[in-house]
Protein backbone atom coordinates (compact mmCIF):
# COMPACT_ATOMS: atom_id res chain seq x y z
CA MET A 1 0.11 -0.15 0.11
CA GLU A 2 1.11 3.17 -0.87
CA HIS A 3 1.73 6.34 1.31
CA PRO A 4 0.52 9.63 0.54
CA THR A 5 3.64 10.54 0.47
CA GLY A 6 4.88 8.22 -2.11
CA ASP A 7 7.24 6.06 0.22
CA GLY A 8 6.35 2.86 0.35
CA GLY A 9 5.41 0.49 3.57
CA LEU A 10 8.30 -0.85 5.71
CA ARG A 11 9.52 -3.97 4.33
CA ARG A 12 9.77 -7.06 6.69
CA PRO A 13 11.79 -8.64 4.77
CA GLU A 14 14.48 -6.52 4.39
CA LEU A 15 13.64 -5.24 8.58
CA ARG A 16 14.84 -8.96 9.28
CA LEU A 17 17.92 -9.57 7.38
CA SER A 18 19.03 -6.12 8.65
CA ALA A 19 18.03 -6.84 12.11
CA THR A 20 20.07 -10.57 12.40
CA LEU A 21 23.37 -9.09 10.86
CA LEU A 22 22.95 -5.72 13.11
CA PHE A 23 22.58 -8.03 15.86
CA GLY A 24 25.06 -10.84 14.75
CA GLY A 25 27.60 -8.23 13.82
CA VAL A 26 27.46 -7.09 16.90
CA LEU A 27 28.03 -11.10 18.64
CA ILE A 28 30.47 -11.43 16.82
CA SER A 29 32.05 -7.92 17.55
CA LEU A 30 32.10 -8.68 21.42
CA LEU A 31 33.27 -12.43 21.05
CA ALA A 32 36.70 -11.53 19.56
CA ALA A 33 36.67 -8.28 22.16
CA LEU A 34 36.91 -10.64 24.40
CA GLN A 35 39.63 -12.52 22.86
CA HIS A 36 42.08 -9.31 22.62
CA PRO A 37 45.07 -9.03 24.10
CA ASP A 38 44.93 -5.64 26.59
CA ALA A 39 47.42 -3.99 28.31
CA ALA A 40 46.10 -2.45 31.73
CA ASP A 41 47.13 0.47 30.12
CA ALA A 42 46.30 1.00 26.19
CA ASN A 43 48.48 4.22 25.73
CA ASP A 44 51.86 2.20 28.54
CA HIS A 45 53.01 1.41 24.41
CA THR A 46 56.10 -0.70 26.52
CA ALA A 47 53.38 -3.43 28.25
CA SER A 48 50.73 -3.06 25.64
CA PHE A 49 53.34 -3.77 22.55
CA THR A 50 55.26 -6.39 24.86
CA ALA A 51 51.35 -8.11 25.13
CA TYR A 52 50.86 -7.99 21.33
CA ALA A 53 53.73 -9.70 20.64
CA ALA A 54 53.44 -12.28 22.82
CA SER A 55 49.82 -12.92 21.26
CA ASP A 56 49.37 -16.33 18.93
CA ALA A 57 46.01 -15.37 18.19
CA TRP A 58 46.17 -11.25 17.23
CA ILE A 59 46.24 -11.98 13.32
CA ALA A 60 42.40 -13.67 13.69
CA VAL A 61 41.13 -11.72 16.84
CA HIS A 62 41.63 -8.52 14.56
CA LEU A 63 39.68 -10.30 11.19
CA GLY A 64 37.32 -11.37 13.38
CA GLN A 65 36.61 -7.67 14.48
CA PHE A 66 36.92 -6.53 11.14
CA LEU A 67 33.65 -9.53 9.86
CA GLY A 68 31.28 -7.98 12.83
CA MET A 69 31.95 -4.89 11.64
CA ALA A 70 30.92 -5.95 8.30
CA LEU A 71 27.43 -7.34 9.06
CA LEU A 72 27.20 -4.27 11.25
CA SER A 73 27.11 -2.13 8.04
CA SER A 74 25.90 -4.40 6.03
CA GLY A 75 23.07 -4.48 8.73
CA LEU A 76 22.41 -0.32 8.36
CA ILE A 77 22.83 -0.71 4.39
CA ILE A 78 20.09 -2.82 4.29
CA LEU A 79 18.43 -0.99 6.99
CA ALA A 80 17.93 1.67 4.48
CA PHE A 81 16.42 -0.59 1.75
CA ALA A 82 13.52 -1.34 4.57
CA LEU A 83 12.36 1.51 6.09
CA ASN A 84 11.48 1.89 2.24
CA LEU A 85 12.12 6.01 1.96
CA ARG A 86 12.12 8.03 -1.10
CA HIS A 87 11.04 11.00 -0.12
CA GLY A 88 12.13 14.37 1.57
CA ALA A 89 14.94 15.12 4.69
CA VAL A 90 14.29 11.93 6.11
CA ALA A 91 14.81 9.97 2.88
CA TRP A 92 17.90 11.68 2.35
CA ALA A 93 18.78 11.61 6.64
CA VAL A 94 18.60 7.74 5.78
CA ARG A 95 20.71 7.78 2.11
CA LEU A 96 23.52 9.68 3.90
CA GLY A 97 23.68 7.05 6.98
CA ALA A 98 23.49 4.41 4.47
CA ALA A 99 27.41 6.05 3.13
CA ALA A 100 28.13 6.77 5.87
CA ALA A 101 28.00 3.44 7.10
CA ILE A 102 30.22 2.37 3.88
CA ALA A 103 32.97 4.77 4.61
CA ALA A 104 32.62 3.48 8.01
CA LEU A 105 33.18 0.12 6.87
CA ALA A 106 35.90 1.44 4.54
CA LEU A 107 37.92 3.04 7.30
CA TYR A 108 37.31 0.33 9.59
CA ALA A 109 39.50 -1.69 7.11
CA VAL A 110 42.20 0.68 6.95
CA LEU A 111 42.05 0.40 11.01
CA GLN A 112 42.45 -3.19 10.42
CA GLY A 113 45.16 -3.17 8.45
CA VAL A 114 47.00 -0.89 10.69
CA ASP A 115 45.73 -2.75 13.39
CA GLY A 116 45.45 -6.03 12.95
CA VAL A 117 48.71 -6.33 11.32
CA ALA A 118 50.92 -3.75 10.33
CA LEU A 119 51.50 -2.88 14.10
CA LYS A 120 51.30 -6.54 15.35
CA HIS A 121 54.49 -7.06 12.92
CA ALA A 122 56.31 -3.78 13.92
CA ALA A 123 55.60 -4.86 17.72
CA ASP A 124 57.18 -8.44 16.87
CA ALA A 125 60.13 -6.50 15.50
CA TRP A 126 60.50 -4.75 18.74
CA ALA A 127 60.42 -7.86 20.99
CA GLY A 128 63.43 -9.35 18.53
CA ALA A 129 65.39 -6.54 18.00
CA ALA A 130 68.95 -6.24 19.19
CA GLU A 131 69.27 -3.80 22.01
CA GLY A 132 70.97 -1.77 19.55
CA GLU A 133 67.88 -1.67 17.08
CA LYS A 134 64.99 -1.45 19.92
CA ALA A 135 64.83 2.52 20.08
CA LEU A 136 64.37 2.70 16.21
CA ARG A 137 62.13 -0.15 16.46
CA PHE A 138 59.98 1.35 19.69
CA ALA A 139 59.82 4.15 17.58
CA ALA A 140 58.42 2.55 14.65
CA ALA A 141 56.02 0.88 16.43
CA GLU A 142 54.96 3.81 17.97
CA ASP A 143 54.34 5.60 14.74
CA ILE A 144 51.79 2.48 13.46
CA ARG A 145 49.97 3.36 16.99
CA TRP A 146 49.78 6.82 16.44
CA LEU A 147 48.05 6.43 12.92
CA GLU A 148 45.92 3.63 14.33
CA TRP A 149 44.11 6.46 16.97
CA GLY A 150 43.75 8.77 13.59
CA VAL A 151 41.92 6.16 11.76
CA ARG A 152 40.24 4.57 14.66
CA SER A 153 39.33 8.31 15.25
CA TYR A 154 37.91 9.73 12.51
CA GLN A 155 35.80 5.85 12.05
CA SER A 156 34.47 6.63 15.09
CA PHE A 157 33.44 9.88 13.80
CA VAL A 158 31.43 8.28 10.33
CA LEU A 159 30.04 5.30 12.52
CA GLY A 160 28.48 7.67 15.18
CA SER A 161 26.62 9.88 12.52
CA ALA A 162 25.43 7.09 10.35
CA LEU A 163 23.82 5.67 14.09
CA ILE A 164 22.50 9.44 14.25
CA LEU A 165 21.28 9.87 11.28
CA PHE A 166 19.64 6.48 11.12
CA GLY A 167 17.67 7.21 14.55
CA ILE A 168 16.22 10.55 13.35
CA ALA A 169 15.04 8.75 10.60
CA ILE A 170 13.77 6.30 12.60
CA THR A 171 12.31 8.35 15.30
CA ALA A 172 10.43 10.82 13.14
CA THR A 173 9.09 7.86 10.69
CA ARG A 174 7.59 5.42 13.87
CA ARG A 175 7.92 2.58 11.24
CA ILE A 176 9.19 0.78 13.90
CA SER A 177 9.68 1.79 17.67
CA ARG A 178 10.88 5.74 18.00
CA PHE A 179 12.63 3.99 21.21
CA ILE A 180 15.03 2.14 19.34
CA GLY A 181 15.99 5.77 17.41
CA TYR A 182 16.19 7.05 20.13
CA LEU A 183 18.77 4.10 20.85
CA MET A 184 20.63 4.20 17.88
CA ALA A 185 21.16 8.05 17.90
CA LEU A 186 22.65 8.14 21.79
CA SER A 187 24.80 5.18 20.48
CA GLY A 188 25.99 7.15 18.27
CA ALA A 189 26.41 10.32 20.07
CA ALA A 190 28.79 7.79 22.31
CA TYR A 191 30.72 6.69 18.89
CA LEU A 192 31.59 10.60 18.17
CA ALA A 193 32.45 10.95 21.91
CA GLN A 194 34.99 8.27 20.95
CA GLY A 195 35.71 10.04 18.32
CA TRP A 196 36.87 12.66 20.24
CA VAL A 197 38.69 11.33 22.78
CA ILE A 198 40.83 8.35 20.70
CA GLY A 199 41.80 11.53 18.31
CA VAL A 200 43.40 14.23 21.57
CA GLU A 201 44.48 11.59 24.36
CA GLY A 202 44.42 7.75 22.03
CA PHE A 203 43.31 4.97 24.59
CA SER A 204 43.11 6.97 27.79
CA ALA A 205 40.92 5.68 30.53
CA SER A 206 38.77 8.63 29.24
CA ASN A 207 37.27 6.59 26.60
CA ALA A 208 36.08 4.40 29.39
CA VAL A 209 32.66 5.76 29.59
CA PRO A 210 31.76 6.31 26.42
CA THR A 211 33.11 2.90 25.03
CA LEU A 212 30.67 1.18 27.60
CA ALA A 213 27.81 3.42 26.98
CA GLY A 214 27.79 2.51 23.07
CA ILE A 215 28.64 -1.12 24.19
CA VAL A 216 25.30 -1.25 26.27
CA LEU A 217 23.14 0.98 23.84
CA VAL A 218 24.29 -1.03 20.37
CA PHE A 219 23.59 -4.15 21.84
CA GLY A 220 20.48 -2.61 23.21
CA TRP A 221 19.22 -1.30 20.23
CA THR A 222 20.13 -4.07 17.83
CA GLY A 223 18.37 -7.11 20.39
CA TRP A 224 15.40 -4.73 20.39
CA LEU A 225 15.02 -4.08 16.69
CA LEU A 226 15.97 -8.38 16.08
CA VAL A 227 12.56 -9.20 18.66
CA THR A 228 10.60 -6.49 17.12
CA ALA A 229 12.05 -7.41 12.97
CA TRP A 230 11.08 -11.32 13.74
CA ARG A 231 7.67 -10.61 15.89
CA GLY A 232 6.09 -8.71 13.02
CA LYS A 233 4.31 -6.93 15.58
CA GLY A 234 2.95 -2.85 14.77
CA SER A 235 1.65 -1.45 10.98
CA SER A 236 3.75 -0.99 8.25
CA SER A 237 3.89 2.79 8.48
CA SER A 238 4.32 3.45 12.71
CA GLY A 239 5.82 2.44 15.83
CA VAL A 240 5.17 1.33 19.39
């Protein structure tokens, strides 16, 4: 059934696929993160690089994190089709959100190349270097670490923007629960905060609250969306 605006109704099959990919991406990302070796202070590069060099699963863990982000980003892109908005400012918010999701995935691929591959090999080279070469190898690893900060910062900005745009669209159209939209927008704000802190301070303790908030909020709205999509409740044009 066509709406007076010329938009079609909510596409339930696409919504179910989107919700499944989104929640699956979150779960895979969390499982991979649990295997991530960490130092007590991530900004203590000596401790961090020592832990990274000792890890045999480093590259596999980061490949898992990339898979999680690929599923999450794909879920957002499919969500744009599920919402089925064709006209007006809200439709443009969805289109821009989908474009931002694609850009966020591209940046995450660069991030995992830097962190998941280059930094691991740099840490290995530092740990195994002769005493006279250690300072040079350590400096090279730090350069890669700082590049990681930069890419991670901008990836967080772009992903946060995507979540905010989708959150605005869901809240405005009410094709699914507007509270899902609120949580999406809040999770996007948490990612923006993470991007700022990482850009300014690196992986400092100041990022603990935005990171935890982002995890809880994303887990919350993806779980809620999954239940909503598969239960099939609500009309095609409004949320609860």
